[in-house]
Amino acid sequence: MTETPPPPHEPKDVGHGWRNVSYITWIAVAACMIAITITSRTVGRSVWWLGPSTQPRPFFFLLIPLVIVAIPFFYTSKSLWLMAKASTVSSLLLLATCIPDISSSPGVAAAVGVVGIAALAESIALVMVTRHYR
């Protein structure tokens, strides 16, 4: 009789490479969101969390995309499992933030959607690396 090999263990740590990828991704997402916000205000089609320049939204609305981007950046320094989960949830929330702008400013919504899809691609890669797809 042959013995079956033990199941592969989930990696406890994937090293600094994937953590660096996560940091760089969310820094780039933050930079893209800032660029989209500034550009949308410049062209007169402000994103929903800014509101029109004549009636700006309260400050706490501006915190919504900031918190969405900050959460995975914070959890990247924590455990690998939390890094993958926070990145996935935040990228899906980022995709959801483009929904209110679809009818009023579809170009802005498309830009936010593309950034959200790019963040989701990184999140899928993190989930695959942490072997949570099984």
Protein backbone atom coordinates (compact mmCIF):
# COMPACT_ATOMS: atom_id res chain seq x y z
CA MET A 1 0.00 0.00 0.00
CA THR A 2 1.22 3.44 -0.83
CA GLU A 3 0.73 6.31 1.50
CA THR A 4 -0.93 9.44 0.23
CA PRO A 5 1.16 12.55 0.59
CA PRO A 6 -0.01 15.05 3.18
CA PRO A 7 -2.10 17.94 1.85
CA PRO A 8 -0.13 21.03 0.96
CA HIS A 9 -0.10 23.57 3.71
CA GLU A 10 -1.24 27.08 3.15
CA PRO A 11 1.68 29.43 3.14
CA LYS A 12 1.93 31.46 6.31
CA ASP A 13 3.78 34.20 4.48
CA VAL A 14 4.42 34.79 0.81
CA GLY A 15 7.33 37.05 1.42
CA HIS A 16 7.82 40.70 0.72
CA GLY A 17 7.15 40.42 -3.00
CA TRP A 18 3.37 40.10 -2.82
CA ARG A 19 3.15 42.58 0.01
CA ASN A 20 5.04 45.05 -2.16
CA VAL A 21 2.66 44.32 -5.04
CA SER A 22 -0.28 45.06 -2.76
CA TYR A 23 1.26 48.30 -1.45
CA ILE A 24 2.12 49.48 -4.96
CA THR A 25 -1.32 48.57 -6.28
CA TRP A 26 -3.20 50.50 -3.64
CA ILE A 27 -0.86 53.49 -3.86
CA ALA A 28 -1.54 53.52 -7.62
CA VAL A 29 -5.30 53.16 -7.00
CA ALA A 30 -5.17 56.13 -4.60
CA ALA A 31 -3.26 58.18 -7.18
CA CYS A 32 -5.79 57.25 -9.88
CA MET A 33 -8.72 58.14 -7.68
CA ILE A 34 -7.16 61.52 -6.88
CA ALA A 35 -6.56 62.13 -10.59
CA ILE A 36 -10.13 61.13 -11.46
CA THR A 37 -11.50 63.38 -8.72
CA ILE A 38 -9.48 66.39 -9.84
CA THR A 39 -10.19 65.79 -13.52
CA SER A 40 -13.91 65.33 -12.95
CA ARG A 41 -14.08 68.63 -11.08
CA THR A 42 -12.04 70.35 -13.81
CA VAL A 43 -14.32 69.23 -16.63
CA GLY A 44 -17.44 70.07 -14.63
CA ARG A 45 -18.65 66.49 -14.13
CA SER A 46 -17.82 65.94 -10.48
CA VAL A 47 -17.96 62.46 -9.03
CA TRP A 48 -20.89 61.82 -6.73
CA TRP A 49 -18.87 62.09 -3.52
CA LEU A 50 -17.78 65.64 -4.42
CA GLY A 51 -21.07 66.94 -5.75
CA PRO A 52 -21.34 69.99 -8.00
CA SER A 53 -18.94 72.84 -7.32
CA THR A 54 -21.85 75.15 -6.45
CA GLN A 55 -23.18 72.71 -3.81
CA PRO A 56 -20.34 70.50 -2.60
CA ARG A 57 -21.16 67.44 -0.53
CA PRO A 58 -20.26 67.30 3.17
CA PHE A 59 -16.71 66.28 3.99
CA PHE A 60 -17.61 62.78 5.18
CA PHE A 61 -18.65 61.83 1.61
CA LEU A 62 -15.05 62.45 0.54
CA LEU A 63 -13.95 59.96 3.19
CA ILE A 64 -15.80 57.08 1.46
CA PRO A 65 -13.28 56.47 -1.37
CA LEU A 66 -10.42 57.37 0.96
CA VAL A 67 -11.43 54.67 3.45
CA ILE A 68 -12.00 52.15 0.64
CA VAL A 69 -8.41 52.65 -0.52
CA ALA A 70 -6.91 52.88 2.98
CA ILE A 71 -8.35 49.60 4.31
CA PRO A 72 -6.35 47.21 2.08
CA PHE A 73 -3.28 49.40 2.46
CA PHE A 74 -3.56 48.97 6.25
CA TYR A 75 -4.25 45.22 6.12
CA THR A 76 -1.31 44.57 3.83
CA SER A 77 0.91 44.86 6.89
CA LYS A 78 -1.27 42.31 8.73
CA SER A 79 -1.78 38.65 7.95
CA LEU A 80 -1.79 37.28 4.43
CA TRP A 81 -5.39 36.12 4.68
CA LEU A 82 -6.58 39.56 5.78
CA MET A 83 -4.57 41.20 3.02
CA ALA A 84 -6.32 39.13 0.34
CA LYS A 85 -9.80 39.55 1.83
CA ALA A 86 -9.48 43.30 2.41
CA SER A 87 -8.13 43.82 -1.08
CA THR A 88 -11.00 41.87 -2.65
CA VAL A 89 -13.72 43.60 -0.64
CA SER A 90 -12.23 47.05 -1.25
CA SER A 91 -11.91 46.53 -4.98
CA LEU A 92 -15.56 45.42 -5.16
CA LEU A 93 -16.60 48.47 -3.11
CA LEU A 94 -14.57 50.66 -5.42
CA LEU A 95 -16.45 49.18 -8.37
CA ALA A 96 -19.71 49.94 -6.57
CA THR A 97 -18.76 53.62 -6.22
CA CYS A 98 -18.98 54.08 -9.98
CA ILE A 99 -22.67 53.08 -10.08
CA PRO A 100 -24.12 56.48 -8.99
CA ASP A 101 -22.17 58.25 -11.76
CA ILE A 102 -23.28 56.03 -14.64
CA SER A 103 -26.25 58.15 -15.66
CA SER A 104 -24.91 61.63 -14.86
CA SER A 105 -21.29 61.27 -15.99
CA PRO A 106 -20.56 57.96 -17.70
CA GLY A 107 -16.96 58.87 -18.50
CA VAL A 108 -16.14 59.38 -14.84
CA ALA A 109 -17.95 56.16 -13.97
CA ALA A 110 -15.96 54.29 -16.62
CA ALA A 111 -12.68 55.65 -15.26
CA VAL A 112 -13.54 54.60 -11.70
CA GLY A 113 -14.72 51.23 -13.03
CA VAL A 114 -11.43 50.61 -14.85
CA VAL A 115 -9.47 51.39 -11.67
CA GLY A 116 -11.76 49.07 -9.72
CA ILE A 117 -11.27 46.25 -12.25
CA ALA A 118 -7.50 46.69 -12.09
CA ALA A 119 -7.63 46.50 -8.30
CA LEU A 120 -9.84 43.42 -8.54
CA ALA A 121 -7.29 41.73 -10.81
CA GLU A 122 -4.61 42.23 -8.15
CA SER A 123 -7.01 40.94 -5.52
CA ILE A 124 -7.68 37.78 -7.51
CA ALA A 125 -3.95 37.24 -7.81
CA LEU A 126 -3.58 37.61 -4.03
CA VAL A 127 -6.36 35.11 -3.41
CA MET A 128 -4.72 32.65 -5.79
CA VAL A 129 -1.39 33.08 -4.05
CA THR A 130 -2.88 32.50 -0.63
CA ARG A 131 -4.65 29.41 -1.99
CA HIS A 132 -8.08 30.46 -0.79
CA TYR A 133 -9.61 29.39 -4.08
CA ARG A 134 -9.83 25.73 -3.00
